[in-house]
Amino acid sequence: MTLVEKLRRRVPIRKWSVALDISRATIYRLKNPPIKKFPTARKKSFRALSQQEVSEVNNTLHSPRFLDASPAHVW
């Protein structure tokens, strides 16, 4: 790629891509790699269950009464 950069003004990238048997997009991508953004933490929804409510729901779903039922059926 350094050779491509040095001779870029004299030889078009189109010819380099044919000579190297790679697409022009690959040359451009290697020259300017994409910026990787890290995902940001999302705010907790105001409608989200508290930790106590989550444990109560799990205990109810795992109780013998609802052991073989789906959550939709229990609801």
C-alpha atoms as a PDB file:
ATOM      1  CA  MET A   1       0.000   0.000   0.000  1.00  0.00           C
ATOM      2  CA  THR A   2       2.907   2.368   0.570  1.00  0.00           C
ATOM      3  CA  LEU A   3       3.937   1.857  -3.039  1.00  0.00           C
ATOM      4  CA  VAL A   4       0.396   2.658  -4.163  1.00  0.00           C
ATOM      5  CA  GLU A   5       0.513   5.840  -2.063  1.00  0.00           C
ATOM      6  CA  LYS A   6       3.870   6.904  -3.503  1.00  0.00           C
ATOM      7  CA  LEU A   7       2.915   6.332  -7.127  1.00  0.00           C
ATOM      8  CA  ARG A   8      -0.730   7.345  -6.818  1.00  0.00           C
ATOM      9  CA  ARG A   9      -0.255  10.648  -8.624  1.00  0.00           C
ATOM     10  CA  ARG A  10       1.321   8.939 -11.647  1.00  0.00           C
ATOM     11  CA  VAL A  11      -0.804   5.779 -11.815  1.00  0.00           C
ATOM     12  CA  PRO A  12      -4.595   5.878 -11.222  1.00  0.00           C
ATOM     13  CA  ILE A  13      -6.092   3.679  -8.541  1.00  0.00           C
ATOM     14  CA  ARG A  14      -8.209   1.978 -11.187  1.00  0.00           C
ATOM     15  CA  LYS A  15      -5.039   0.578 -12.780  1.00  0.00           C
ATOM     16  CA  TRP A  16      -3.648  -0.433  -9.394  1.00  0.00           C
ATOM     17  CA  SER A  17      -6.788  -2.360  -8.605  1.00  0.00           C
ATOM     18  CA  VAL A  18      -6.511  -4.274 -11.884  1.00  0.00           C
ATOM     19  CA  ALA A  19      -2.789  -4.936 -11.390  1.00  0.00           C
ATOM     20  CA  LEU A  20      -3.239  -6.130  -7.801  1.00  0.00           C
ATOM     21  CA  ASP A  21      -6.500  -7.958  -8.611  1.00  0.00           C
ATOM     22  CA  ILE A  22      -8.430  -6.236  -5.829  1.00  0.00           C
ATOM     23  CA  SER A  23     -11.367  -3.874  -5.965  1.00  0.00           C
ATOM     24  CA  ARG A  24     -10.924  -0.113  -5.789  1.00  0.00           C
ATOM     25  CA  ALA A  25     -13.104  -0.074  -2.697  1.00  0.00           C
ATOM     26  CA  THR A  26     -10.557  -2.264  -0.906  1.00  0.00           C
ATOM     27  CA  ILE A  27      -7.761   0.172  -1.730  1.00  0.00           C
ATOM     28  CA  TYR A  28      -9.809   3.113  -0.467  1.00  0.00           C
ATOM     29  CA  ARG A  29     -10.835   1.181   2.661  1.00  0.00           C
ATOM     30  CA  LEU A  30      -7.215   0.293   3.454  1.00  0.00           C
ATOM     31  CA  LYS A  31      -6.212   3.895   2.874  1.00  0.00           C
ATOM     32  CA  ASN A  32      -8.986   5.328   5.102  1.00  0.00           C
ATOM     33  CA  PRO A  33     -10.168   2.697   7.603  1.00  0.00           C
ATOM     34  CA  PRO A  34     -13.657   3.267   9.039  1.00  0.00           C
ATOM     35  CA  ILE A  35     -13.928   4.892  12.444  1.00  0.00           C
ATOM     36  CA  LYS A  36     -15.153   2.386  15.003  1.00  0.00           C
ATOM     37  CA  LYS A  37     -17.581   3.805  17.502  1.00  0.00           C
ATOM     38  CA  PHE A  38     -18.206   2.020  20.745  1.00  0.00           C
ATOM     39  CA  PRO A  39     -21.843   1.620  21.752  1.00  0.00           C
ATOM     40  CA  THR A  40     -22.958   3.918  24.505  1.00  0.00           C
ATOM     41  CA  ALA A  41     -24.799   2.662  27.548  1.00  0.00           C
ATOM     42  CA  ARG A  42     -28.538   3.140  27.263  1.00  0.00           C
ATOM     43  CA  LYS A  43     -30.567   4.771  29.987  1.00  0.00           C
ATOM     44  CA  LYS A  44     -32.826   2.525  31.977  1.00  0.00           C
ATOM     45  CA  SER A  45     -36.444   2.951  30.931  1.00  0.00           C
ATOM     46  CA  PHE A  46     -38.757   4.572  33.435  1.00  0.00           C
ATOM     47  CA  ARG A  47     -41.104   1.622  32.824  1.00  0.00           C
ATOM     48  CA  ALA A  48     -38.470  -1.011  33.654  1.00  0.00           C
ATOM     49  CA  LEU A  49     -39.122  -3.338  36.565  1.00  0.00           C
ATOM     50  CA  SER A  50     -37.098  -2.902  39.727  1.00  0.00           C
ATOM     51  CA  GLN A  51     -34.776  -5.699  40.808  1.00  0.00           C
ATOM     52  CA  GLN A  52     -37.267  -6.781  43.456  1.00  0.00           C
ATOM     53  CA  GLU A  53     -40.099  -6.938  40.907  1.00  0.00           C
ATOM     54  CA  VAL A  54     -37.932  -8.969  38.513  1.00  0.00           C
ATOM     55  CA  SER A  55     -37.171 -11.497  41.233  1.00  0.00           C
ATOM     56  CA  GLU A  56     -40.876 -11.714  42.160  1.00  0.00           C
ATOM     57  CA  VAL A  57     -41.819 -12.394  38.529  1.00  0.00           C
ATOM     58  CA  ASN A  58     -39.109 -15.053  38.228  1.00  0.00           C
ATOM     59  CA  ASN A  59     -40.208 -16.710  41.456  1.00  0.00           C
ATOM     60  CA  THR A  60     -43.816 -16.751  40.239  1.00  0.00           C
ATOM     61  CA  LEU A  61     -42.872 -18.198  36.828  1.00  0.00           C
ATOM     62  CA  HIS A  62     -40.772 -20.913  38.471  1.00  0.00           C
ATOM     63  CA  SER A  63     -43.391 -21.820  41.051  1.00  0.00           C
ATOM     64  CA  PRO A  64     -44.988 -25.292  40.797  1.00  0.00           C
ATOM     65  CA  ARG A  65     -48.287 -23.734  39.678  1.00  0.00           C
ATOM     66  CA  PHE A  66     -46.788 -22.221  36.491  1.00  0.00           C
ATOM     67  CA  LEU A  67     -43.817 -24.560  35.943  1.00  0.00           C
ATOM     68  CA  ASP A  68     -45.056 -25.934  32.602  1.00  0.00           C
ATOM     69  CA  ALA A  69     -46.707 -22.739  31.326  1.00  0.00           C
ATOM     70  CA  SER A  70     -45.205 -20.104  29.031  1.00  0.00           C
ATOM     71  CA  PRO A  71     -44.885 -16.513  30.294  1.00  0.00           C
ATOM     72  CA  ALA A  72     -47.575 -15.428  27.791  1.00  0.00           C
ATOM     73  CA  HIS A  73     -49.930 -18.073  29.149  1.00  0.00           C
ATOM     74  CA  VAL A  74     -49.241 -16.983  32.740  1.00  0.00           C
ATOM     75  CA  TRP A  75     -49.947 -13.360  31.813  1.00  0.00           C
END
